[in-house]
Amino acid sequence: MTTSRVQGRRRTAGLRTRNSAEKQTLTAAGRAGFAARGVVYVLIGVLAVRIARGSGGESADRQGALAQVAAQPFGKSMLWALVVGFGSMALWRGARALGRGPRHKAASRVLDGGRAVFYAAVCWATAAYAAGGGQGSSGNAQSQDWTASALKLPYGRVLVGAAGCLLIGIGAVLAVRAAMRRFLRQLDTGTMSHRTKQVVTALGVGGGVARGVVFAAAGIFILVAAVRFDPDEAKGVDATLRSFTQTPVGPWLLVGVAIGLVLFGVFSFASARWRRL
């Protein structure tokens, strides 16, 4: 065997080793990200249940969830663990956006890229919260501030209205895809028992539909803010959830949505275990 052939095989073996290590790293990053997402959604759902019962003074959004984490023993360490989790999710989504083959659609790249930016922002906000001892404005105030700034731009009313319609569309797509059980295509269901698959399916359907409802409702409020040219009409997750108590069925709608968000959080943990990454 010639020296050049031996060197070529060594380079090929080294490349395979590096690719395997990179894949394992990205897989671990994705699983950490889904676990972090699960923690936040479970806590938001629990806070929303408290609000429905009239005993919740905390905000039922990511800010409130982080406050709950910070209040626990070793809360600071847990917050930084979430920072690592969200950063890992951003890394995994970014790698998917940049590393897909030519057979994958450009829309998939754009979607993963958008999600990478979103989770990078969540990671930064969580790190700022952990480093600053919980300082920062609420999600409701941030939503109104962003809407007010956007309305001041040229064609700001149109931009805000388009953002509201986009959020409504995203919520509808999330709910429909969940109801159609499209998420099962992304899970390694072959390694699940029949009972486990039934439970995970129920978590994905119930949680995904509830998540879509919250997104769509938030989009409706943004659209109303554009129509009325009033940034105070825009609502964050907390105010959106609280608005469900003002429906004819009272707090029961909020209870249902809150339970759905808890289910989605648990489904995120299932995704950390069985998602094909």
C-alpha atoms as a PDB file:
ATOM      1  CA  MET A   1       0.000   0.000   0.000  1.00  0.00           C
ATOM      2  CA  THR A   2       1.443   3.360  -1.013  1.00  0.00           C
ATOM      3  CA  THR A   3       2.157   6.126   1.465  1.00  0.00           C
ATOM      4  CA  SER A   4      -0.308   8.503  -0.226  1.00  0.00           C
ATOM      5  CA  ARG A   5      -3.091   5.938   0.040  1.00  0.00           C
ATOM      6  CA  VAL A   6      -2.393   5.394   3.743  1.00  0.00           C
ATOM      7  CA  GLN A   7      -2.411   9.148   4.332  1.00  0.00           C
ATOM      8  CA  GLY A   8      -5.683   9.460   2.424  1.00  0.00           C
ATOM      9  CA  ARG A   9      -7.335   6.813   4.575  1.00  0.00           C
ATOM     10  CA  ARG A  10      -6.077   8.504   7.706  1.00  0.00           C
ATOM     11  CA  ARG A  11      -7.512  11.834   6.571  1.00  0.00           C
ATOM     12  CA  THR A  12     -10.825  10.160   5.777  1.00  0.00           C
ATOM     13  CA  ALA A  13     -10.896   8.476   9.189  1.00  0.00           C
ATOM     14  CA  GLY A  14     -10.051  11.761  10.882  1.00  0.00           C
ATOM     15  CA  LEU A  15     -12.790  13.566   8.988  1.00  0.00           C
ATOM     16  CA  ARG A  16     -15.335  10.929   9.986  1.00  0.00           C
ATOM     17  CA  THR A  17     -14.246  11.225  13.616  1.00  0.00           C
ATOM     18  CA  ARG A  18     -14.629  15.015  13.549  1.00  0.00           C
ATOM     19  CA  ASN A  19     -18.031  14.781  11.867  1.00  0.00           C
ATOM     20  CA  SER A  20     -19.169  12.246  14.450  1.00  0.00           C
ATOM     21  CA  ALA A  21     -17.981  14.463  17.295  1.00  0.00           C
ATOM     22  CA  GLU A  22     -19.728  17.500  15.797  1.00  0.00           C
ATOM     23  CA  LYS A  23     -22.949  15.543  15.368  1.00  0.00           C
ATOM     24  CA  GLN A  24     -22.822  14.326  18.971  1.00  0.00           C
ATOM     25  CA  THR A  25     -22.201  17.883  20.196  1.00  0.00           C
ATOM     26  CA  LEU A  26     -25.103  19.306  18.195  1.00  0.00           C
ATOM     27  CA  THR A  27     -27.376  16.466  19.323  1.00  0.00           C
ATOM     28  CA  ALA A  28     -26.541  17.192  22.959  1.00  0.00           C
ATOM     29  CA  ALA A  29     -27.134  20.899  22.329  1.00  0.00           C
ATOM     30  CA  GLY A  30     -30.553  20.240  20.815  1.00  0.00           C
ATOM     31  CA  ARG A  31     -31.640  18.023  23.695  1.00  0.00           C
ATOM     32  CA  ALA A  32     -30.495  20.620  26.243  1.00  0.00           C
ATOM     33  CA  GLY A  33     -32.461  23.265  24.375  1.00  0.00           C
ATOM     34  CA  PHE A  34     -35.698  21.263  24.369  1.00  0.00           C
ATOM     35  CA  ALA A  35     -35.289  20.584  28.092  1.00  0.00           C
ATOM     36  CA  ALA A  36     -34.854  24.314  28.812  1.00  0.00           C
ATOM     37  CA  ARG A  37     -37.946  25.092  26.742  1.00  0.00           C
ATOM     38  CA  GLY A  38     -39.866  22.504  28.733  1.00  0.00           C
ATOM     39  CA  VAL A  39     -38.961  24.119  32.056  1.00  0.00           C
ATOM     40  CA  VAL A  40     -40.207  27.548  30.943  1.00  0.00           C
ATOM     41  CA  TYR A  41     -43.495  26.301  29.472  1.00  0.00           C
ATOM     42  CA  VAL A  42     -44.329  24.185  32.515  1.00  0.00           C
ATOM     43  CA  LEU A  43     -43.740  27.153  34.822  1.00  0.00           C
ATOM     44  CA  ILE A  44     -45.759  29.529  32.630  1.00  0.00           C
ATOM     45  CA  GLY A  45     -48.644  27.038  32.657  1.00  0.00           C
ATOM     46  CA  VAL A  46     -48.487  26.677  36.443  1.00  0.00           C
ATOM     47  CA  LEU A  47     -48.481  30.454  36.889  1.00  0.00           C
ATOM     48  CA  ALA A  48     -51.467  30.752  34.559  1.00  0.00           C
ATOM     49  CA  VAL A  49     -53.389  28.200  36.645  1.00  0.00           C
ATOM     50  CA  ARG A  50     -52.679  30.309  39.732  1.00  0.00           C
ATOM     51  CA  ILE A  51     -54.023  33.386  37.951  1.00  0.00           C
ATOM     52  CA  ALA A  52     -57.187  31.506  36.991  1.00  0.00           C
ATOM     53  CA  ARG A  53     -57.669  30.549  40.643  1.00  0.00           C
ATOM     54  CA  GLY A  54     -57.186  34.173  41.690  1.00  0.00           C
ATOM     55  CA  SER A  55     -54.038  33.448  43.674  1.00  0.00           C
ATOM     56  CA  GLY A  56     -51.328  34.394  41.201  1.00  0.00           C
ATOM     57  CA  GLY A  57     -49.503  37.694  41.599  1.00  0.00           C
ATOM     58  CA  GLU A  58     -46.644  36.726  39.294  1.00  0.00           C
ATOM     59  CA  SER A  59     -46.554  37.301  35.555  1.00  0.00           C
ATOM     60  CA  ALA A  60     -47.459  34.225  33.527  1.00  0.00           C
ATOM     61  CA  ASP A  61     -44.675  34.691  30.986  1.00  0.00           C
ATOM     62  CA  ARG A  62     -40.977  33.967  30.634  1.00  0.00           C
ATOM     63  CA  GLN A  63     -40.131  36.733  33.120  1.00  0.00           C
ATOM     64  CA  GLY A  64     -42.433  35.179  35.708  1.00  0.00           C
ATOM     65  CA  ALA A  65     -41.049  31.718  35.011  1.00  0.00           C
ATOM     66  CA  LEU A  66     -37.496  32.951  35.545  1.00  0.00           C
ATOM     67  CA  ALA A  67     -38.568  34.583  38.803  1.00  0.00           C
ATOM     68  CA  GLN A  68     -39.934  31.236  39.968  1.00  0.00           C
ATOM     69  CA  VAL A  69     -36.667  29.532  39.092  1.00  0.00           C
ATOM     70  CA  ALA A  70     -34.643  32.215  40.893  1.00  0.00           C
ATOM     71  CA  ALA A  71     -36.732  31.743  44.040  1.00  0.00           C
ATOM     72  CA  GLN A  72     -35.752  28.073  44.335  1.00  0.00           C
ATOM     73  CA  PRO A  73     -32.710  26.709  46.186  1.00  0.00           C
ATOM     74  CA  PHE A  74     -29.689  27.047  43.893  1.00  0.00           C
ATOM     75  CA  GLY A  75     -31.878  29.315  41.757  1.00  0.00           C
ATOM     76  CA  LYS A  76     -28.948  31.272  40.350  1.00  0.00           C
ATOM     77  CA  SER A  77     -27.280  28.067  39.145  1.00  0.00           C
ATOM     78  CA  MET A  78     -30.566  26.909  37.630  1.00  0.00           C
ATOM     79  CA  LEU A  79     -30.923  30.201  35.756  1.00  0.00           C
ATOM     80  CA  TRP A  80     -27.472  29.815  34.237  1.00  0.00           C
ATOM     81  CA  ALA A  81     -28.338  26.241  33.314  1.00  0.00           C
ATOM     82  CA  LEU A  82     -31.301  27.662  31.355  1.00  0.00           C
ATOM     83  CA  VAL A  83     -28.934  30.127  29.697  1.00  0.00           C
ATOM     84  CA  VAL A  84     -26.809  27.193  28.541  1.00  0.00           C
ATOM     85  CA  GLY A  85     -29.940  25.369  27.379  1.00  0.00           C
ATOM     86  CA  PHE A  86     -31.279  28.262  25.314  1.00  0.00           C
ATOM     87  CA  GLY A  87     -27.832  28.955  23.906  1.00  0.00           C
ATOM     88  CA  SER A  88     -27.571  25.300  22.938  1.00  0.00           C
ATOM     89  CA  MET A  89     -30.938  25.485  21.187  1.00  0.00           C
ATOM     90  CA  ALA A  90     -29.775  28.549  19.241  1.00  0.00           C
ATOM     91  CA  LEU A  91     -26.601  26.687  18.268  1.00  0.00           C
ATOM     92  CA  TRP A  92     -28.523  23.616  17.117  1.00  0.00           C
ATOM     93  CA  ARG A  93     -31.054  25.631  15.110  1.00  0.00           C
ATOM     94  CA  GLY A  94     -28.297  27.700  13.555  1.00  0.00           C
ATOM     95  CA  ALA A  95     -26.366  24.592  12.540  1.00  0.00           C
ATOM     96  CA  ARG A  96     -29.503  23.170  10.905  1.00  0.00           C
ATOM     97  CA  ALA A  97     -30.033  26.412   9.015  1.00  0.00           C
ATOM     98  CA  LEU A  98     -26.450  26.481   7.696  1.00  0.00           C
ATOM     99  CA  GLY A  99     -25.693  22.800   7.326  1.00  0.00           C
ATOM    100  CA  ARG A 100     -28.665  21.365   5.452  1.00  0.00           C
ATOM    101  CA  GLY A 101     -28.111  19.684   2.113  1.00  0.00           C
ATOM    102  CA  PRO A 102     -29.392  20.998  -1.228  1.00  0.00           C
ATOM    103  CA  ARG A 103     -32.415  18.695  -1.079  1.00  0.00           C
ATOM    104  CA  HIS A 104     -33.895  20.683   1.789  1.00  0.00           C
ATOM    105  CA  LYS A 105     -36.107  23.621   0.985  1.00  0.00           C
ATOM    106  CA  ALA A 106     -34.938  27.176   1.470  1.00  0.00           C
ATOM    107  CA  ALA A 107     -38.018  27.782   3.638  1.00  0.00           C
ATOM    108  CA  SER A 108     -36.730  25.224   6.133  1.00  0.00           C
ATOM    109  CA  ARG A 109     -33.399  27.023   6.313  1.00  0.00           C
ATOM    110  CA  VAL A 110     -35.096  30.366   6.874  1.00  0.00           C
ATOM    111  CA  LEU A 111     -37.361  28.895   9.561  1.00  0.00           C
ATOM    112  CA  ASP A 112     -34.448  27.346  11.436  1.00  0.00           C
ATOM    113  CA  GLY A 113     -32.481  30.562  11.062  1.00  0.00           C
ATOM    114  CA  GLY A 114     -35.351  32.562  12.521  1.00  0.00           C
ATOM    115  CA  ARG A 115     -35.648  30.164  15.417  1.00  0.00           C
ATOM    116  CA  ALA A 116     -31.896  30.393  16.018  1.00  0.00           C
ATOM    117  CA  VAL A 117     -32.155  34.192  16.270  1.00  0.00           C
ATOM    118  CA  PHE A 118     -35.162  33.890  18.583  1.00  0.00           C
ATOM    119  CA  TYR A 119     -33.445  31.494  20.973  1.00  0.00           C
ATOM    120  CA  ALA A 120     -30.261  33.567  20.890  1.00  0.00           C
ATOM    121  CA  ALA A 121     -32.364  36.544  22.036  1.00  0.00           C
ATOM    122  CA  VAL A 122     -34.001  34.419  24.745  1.00  0.00           C
ATOM    123  CA  CYS A 123     -30.563  33.220  25.853  1.00  0.00           C
ATOM    124  CA  TRP A 124     -29.305  36.813  26.064  1.00  0.00           C
ATOM    125  CA  ALA A 125     -32.378  37.980  27.982  1.00  0.00           C
ATOM    126  CA  THR A 126     -32.109  35.064  30.415  1.00  0.00           C
ATOM    127  CA  ALA A 127     -28.411  35.747  30.958  1.00  0.00           C
ATOM    128  CA  ALA A 128     -29.164  39.429  31.605  1.00  0.00           C
ATOM    129  CA  TYR A 129     -31.860  38.397  34.082  1.00  0.00           C
ATOM    130  CA  ALA A 130     -29.505  36.005  35.879  1.00  0.00           C
ATOM    131  CA  ALA A 131     -26.653  38.520  35.987  1.00  0.00           C
ATOM    132  CA  GLY A 132     -28.865  41.445  37.000  1.00  0.00           C
ATOM    133  CA  GLY A 133     -30.726  39.739  39.809  1.00  0.00           C
ATOM    134  CA  GLY A 134     -34.066  39.727  38.019  1.00  0.00           C
ATOM    135  CA  GLN A 135     -34.155  43.306  36.806  1.00  0.00           C
ATOM    136  CA  GLY A 136     -36.004  44.186  33.616  1.00  0.00           C
ATOM    137  CA  SER A 137     -39.384  45.247  32.347  1.00  0.00           C
ATOM    138  CA  SER A 138     -42.266  42.837  32.016  1.00  0.00           C
ATOM    139  CA  GLY A 139     -43.216  41.123  28.782  1.00  0.00           C
ATOM    140  CA  ASN A 140     -46.381  43.224  28.608  1.00  0.00           C
ATOM    141  CA  ALA A 141     -44.439  46.484  28.872  1.00  0.00           C
ATOM    142  CA  GLN A 142     -41.897  45.315  26.304  1.00  0.00           C
ATOM    143  CA  SER A 143     -44.646  44.390  23.842  1.00  0.00           C
ATOM    144  CA  GLN A 144     -46.261  47.814  24.212  1.00  0.00           C
ATOM    145  CA  ASP A 145     -42.920  49.619  23.918  1.00  0.00           C
ATOM    146  CA  TRP A 146     -42.004  47.730  20.746  1.00  0.00           C
ATOM    147  CA  THR A 147     -45.435  48.389  19.262  1.00  0.00           C
ATOM    148  CA  ALA A 148     -45.241  52.092  20.104  1.00  0.00           C
ATOM    149  CA  SER A 149     -41.797  52.358  18.475  1.00  0.00           C
ATOM    150  CA  ALA A 150     -42.998  50.510  15.372  1.00  0.00           C
ATOM    151  CA  LEU A 151     -46.070  52.712  15.009  1.00  0.00           C
ATOM    152  CA  LYS A 152     -43.847  55.776  14.827  1.00  0.00           C
ATOM    153  CA  LEU A 153     -42.036  54.436  11.747  1.00  0.00           C
ATOM    154  CA  PRO A 154     -43.117  55.261   8.184  1.00  0.00           C
ATOM    155  CA  TYR A 155     -45.962  52.906   7.367  1.00  0.00           C
ATOM    156  CA  GLY A 156     -45.685  51.750  10.985  1.00  0.00           C
ATOM    157  CA  ARG A 157     -49.373  50.982  11.176  1.00  0.00           C
ATOM    158  CA  VAL A 158     -49.051  48.632   8.218  1.00  0.00           C
ATOM    159  CA  LEU A 159     -45.944  46.992   9.668  1.00  0.00           C
ATOM    160  CA  VAL A 160     -47.584  46.388  13.037  1.00  0.00           C
ATOM    161  CA  GLY A 161     -50.705  45.055  11.367  1.00  0.00           C
ATOM    162  CA  ALA A 162     -48.603  42.720   9.235  1.00  0.00           C
ATOM    163  CA  ALA A 163     -46.766  41.520  12.346  1.00  0.00           C
ATOM    164  CA  GLY A 164     -50.089  40.794  14.029  1.00  0.00           C
ATOM    165  CA  CYS A 165     -51.336  38.861  11.001  1.00  0.00           C
ATOM    166  CA  LEU A 166     -48.067  36.932  10.854  1.00  0.00           C
ATOM    167  CA  LEU A 167     -48.366  35.965  14.520  1.00  0.00           C
ATOM    168  CA  ILE A 168     -51.983  34.907  14.000  1.00  0.00           C
ATOM    169  CA  GLY A 169     -50.888  32.778  11.061  1.00  0.00           C
ATOM    170  CA  ILE A 170     -48.063  31.192  13.060  1.00  0.00           C
ATOM    171  CA  GLY A 171     -50.462  30.357  15.862  1.00  0.00           C
ATOM    172  CA  ALA A 172     -52.948  28.813  13.443  1.00  0.00           C
ATOM    173  CA  VAL A 173     -50.228  26.737  11.779  1.00  0.00           C
ATOM    174  CA  LEU A 174     -48.896  25.537  15.136  1.00  0.00           C
ATOM    175  CA  ALA A 175     -52.370  24.504  16.283  1.00  0.00           C
ATOM    176  CA  VAL A 176     -53.277  22.765  13.016  1.00  0.00           C
ATOM    177  CA  ARG A 177     -49.969  20.912  12.767  1.00  0.00           C
ATOM    178  CA  ALA A 178     -50.354  19.754  16.351  1.00  0.00           C
ATOM    179  CA  ALA A 179     -53.924  18.583  15.749  1.00  0.00           C
ATOM    180  CA  MET A 180     -52.718  16.678  12.672  1.00  0.00           C
ATOM    181  CA  ARG A 181     -49.938  15.067  14.748  1.00  0.00           C
ATOM    182  CA  ARG A 182     -47.270  16.224  12.352  1.00  0.00           C
ATOM    183  CA  PHE A 183     -44.768  16.289  15.225  1.00  0.00           C
ATOM    184  CA  LEU A 184     -44.685  12.478  15.258  1.00  0.00           C
ATOM    185  CA  ARG A 185     -42.596  12.593  12.075  1.00  0.00           C
ATOM    186  CA  GLN A 186     -39.800  14.224  14.060  1.00  0.00           C
ATOM    187  CA  LEU A 187     -39.814  11.705  16.900  1.00  0.00           C
ATOM    188  CA  ASP A 188     -38.181   8.299  17.064  1.00  0.00           C
ATOM    189  CA  THR A 189     -41.471   6.546  17.782  1.00  0.00           C
ATOM    190  CA  GLY A 190     -39.977   3.156  16.913  1.00  0.00           C
ATOM    191  CA  THR A 191     -38.167   3.073  20.256  1.00  0.00           C
ATOM    192  CA  MET A 192     -41.329   3.931  22.225  1.00  0.00           C
ATOM    193  CA  SER A 193     -43.728   1.434  23.709  1.00  0.00           C
ATOM    194  CA  HIS A 194     -47.326   1.635  22.514  1.00  0.00           C
ATOM    195  CA  ARG A 195     -48.400   3.260  25.776  1.00  0.00           C
ATOM    196  CA  THR A 196     -45.565   5.798  25.702  1.00  0.00           C
ATOM    197  CA  LYS A 197     -46.421   6.771  22.126  1.00  0.00           C
ATOM    198  CA  GLN A 198     -50.052   7.350  23.138  1.00  0.00           C
ATOM    199  CA  VAL A 199     -49.001   9.585  26.045  1.00  0.00           C
ATOM    200  CA  VAL A 200     -46.487  11.571  23.967  1.00  0.00           C
ATOM    201  CA  THR A 201     -49.071  12.004  21.200  1.00  0.00           C
ATOM    202  CA  ALA A 202     -51.615  13.357  23.687  1.00  0.00           C
ATOM    203  CA  LEU A 203     -49.004  15.745  25.103  1.00  0.00           C
ATOM    204  CA  GLY A 204     -48.061  16.981  21.631  1.00  0.00           C
ATOM    205  CA  VAL A 205     -51.644  17.506  20.466  1.00  0.00           C
ATOM    206  CA  GLY A 206     -52.947  19.190  23.622  1.00  0.00           C
ATOM    207  CA  GLY A 207     -49.825  21.230  24.210  1.00  0.00           C
ATOM    208  CA  GLY A 208     -49.329  22.252  20.598  1.00  0.00           C
ATOM    209  CA  VAL A 209     -52.921  23.423  20.171  1.00  0.00           C
ATOM    210  CA  ALA A 210     -52.748  25.482  23.387  1.00  0.00           C
ATOM    211  CA  ARG A 211     -49.462  27.038  22.300  1.00  0.00           C
ATOM    212  CA  GLY A 212     -50.970  27.943  18.937  1.00  0.00           C
ATOM    213  CA  VAL A 213     -53.988  29.539  20.605  1.00  0.00           C
ATOM    214  CA  VAL A 214     -51.737  31.788  22.723  1.00  0.00           C
ATOM    215  CA  PHE A 215     -49.694  32.863  19.687  1.00  0.00           C
ATOM    216  CA  ALA A 216     -52.831  33.624  17.668  1.00  0.00           C
ATOM    217  CA  ALA A 217     -54.450  35.559  20.540  1.00  0.00           C
ATOM    218  CA  ALA A 218     -51.304  37.672  20.995  1.00  0.00           C
ATOM    219  CA  GLY A 219     -51.347  38.365  17.259  1.00  0.00           C
ATOM    220  CA  ILE A 220     -54.968  39.514  17.436  1.00  0.00           C
ATOM    221  CA  PHE A 221     -54.090  42.068  20.117  1.00  0.00           C
ATOM    222  CA  ILE A 222     -51.203  43.393  17.999  1.00  0.00           C
ATOM    223  CA  LEU A 223     -53.529  43.672  15.005  1.00  0.00           C
ATOM    224  CA  VAL A 224     -56.056  45.579  17.135  1.00  0.00           C
ATOM    225  CA  ALA A 225     -53.250  47.902  18.262  1.00  0.00           C
ATOM    226  CA  ALA A 226     -52.508  48.662  14.599  1.00  0.00           C
ATOM    227  CA  VAL A 227     -56.151  49.225  13.671  1.00  0.00           C
ATOM    228  CA  ARG A 228     -56.763  51.535  16.631  1.00  0.00           C
ATOM    229  CA  PHE A 229     -53.291  53.076  16.445  1.00  0.00           C
ATOM    230  CA  ASP A 230     -52.944  52.417  20.169  1.00  0.00           C
ATOM    231  CA  PRO A 231     -49.830  50.558  21.440  1.00  0.00           C
ATOM    232  CA  ASP A 232     -51.565  49.904  24.776  1.00  0.00           C
ATOM    233  CA  GLU A 233     -53.740  47.354  22.973  1.00  0.00           C
ATOM    234  CA  ALA A 234     -50.693  45.146  22.406  1.00  0.00           C
ATOM    235  CA  LYS A 235     -50.221  42.459  25.017  1.00  0.00           C
ATOM    236  CA  GLY A 236     -47.451  40.144  26.094  1.00  0.00           C
ATOM    237  CA  VAL A 237     -47.968  36.500  27.027  1.00  0.00           C
ATOM    238  CA  ASP A 238     -49.095  37.357  30.553  1.00  0.00           C
ATOM    239  CA  ALA A 239     -51.774  39.875  29.517  1.00  0.00           C
ATOM    240  CA  THR A 240     -52.866  37.584  26.673  1.00  0.00           C
ATOM    241  CA  LEU A 241     -53.437  34.736  29.108  1.00  0.00           C
ATOM    242  CA  ARG A 242     -55.253  36.999  31.561  1.00  0.00           C
ATOM    243  CA  SER A 243     -57.563  38.133  28.770  1.00  0.00           C
ATOM    244  CA  PHE A 244     -58.941  34.595  28.554  1.00  0.00           C
ATOM    245  CA  THR A 245     -60.643  35.155  31.923  1.00  0.00           C
ATOM    246  CA  GLN A 246     -62.760  37.907  30.322  1.00  0.00           C
ATOM    247  CA  THR A 247     -64.507  35.488  27.956  1.00  0.00           C
ATOM    248  CA  PRO A 248     -68.078  34.213  28.600  1.00  0.00           C
ATOM    249  CA  VAL A 249     -66.693  30.996  30.125  1.00  0.00           C
ATOM    250  CA  GLY A 250     -64.689  32.986  32.654  1.00  0.00           C
ATOM    251  CA  PRO A 251     -61.466  31.542  34.075  1.00  0.00           C
ATOM    252  CA  TRP A 252     -62.140  28.053  32.709  1.00  0.00           C
ATOM    253  CA  LEU A 253     -60.738  28.914  29.299  1.00  0.00           C
ATOM    254  CA  LEU A 254     -57.547  30.122  30.960  1.00  0.00           C
ATOM    255  CA  VAL A 255     -57.389  26.899  32.990  1.00  0.00           C
ATOM    256  CA  GLY A 256     -57.674  24.851  29.807  1.00  0.00           C
ATOM    257  CA  VAL A 257     -54.985  26.845  28.010  1.00  0.00           C
ATOM    258  CA  ALA A 258     -52.749  26.781  31.091  1.00  0.00           C
ATOM    259  CA  ILE A 259     -52.988  23.007  31.343  1.00  0.00           C
ATOM    260  CA  GLY A 260     -52.194  22.854  27.630  1.00  0.00           C
ATOM    261  CA  LEU A 261     -49.025  24.895  28.166  1.00  0.00           C
ATOM    262  CA  VAL A 262     -47.955  22.527  30.935  1.00  0.00           C
ATOM    263  CA  LEU A 263     -48.573  19.638  28.548  1.00  0.00           C
ATOM    264  CA  PHE A 264     -46.415  21.338  25.927  1.00  0.00           C
ATOM    265  CA  GLY A 265     -43.664  21.751  28.489  1.00  0.00           C
ATOM    266  CA  VAL A 266     -43.779  18.036  29.275  1.00  0.00           C
ATOM    267  CA  PHE A 267     -43.858  17.306  25.526  1.00  0.00           C
ATOM    268  CA  SER A 268     -40.659  19.359  25.226  1.00  0.00           C
ATOM    269  CA  PHE A 269     -39.037  17.002  27.729  1.00  0.00           C
ATOM    270  CA  ALA A 270     -40.237  14.085  25.587  1.00  0.00           C
ATOM    271  CA  SER A 271     -38.708  15.816  22.556  1.00  0.00           C
ATOM    272  CA  ALA A 272     -35.409  16.091  24.424  1.00  0.00           C
ATOM    273  CA  ARG A 273     -35.532  12.312  24.798  1.00  0.00           C
ATOM    274  CA  TRP A 274     -36.978  11.047  21.504  1.00  0.00           C
ATOM    275  CA  ARG A 275     -36.564  13.829  18.929  1.00  0.00           C
ATOM    276  CA  ARG A 276     -34.482  12.882  15.885  1.00  0.00           C
ATOM    277  CA  LEU A 277     -31.635  15.395  15.977  1.00  0.00           C
END
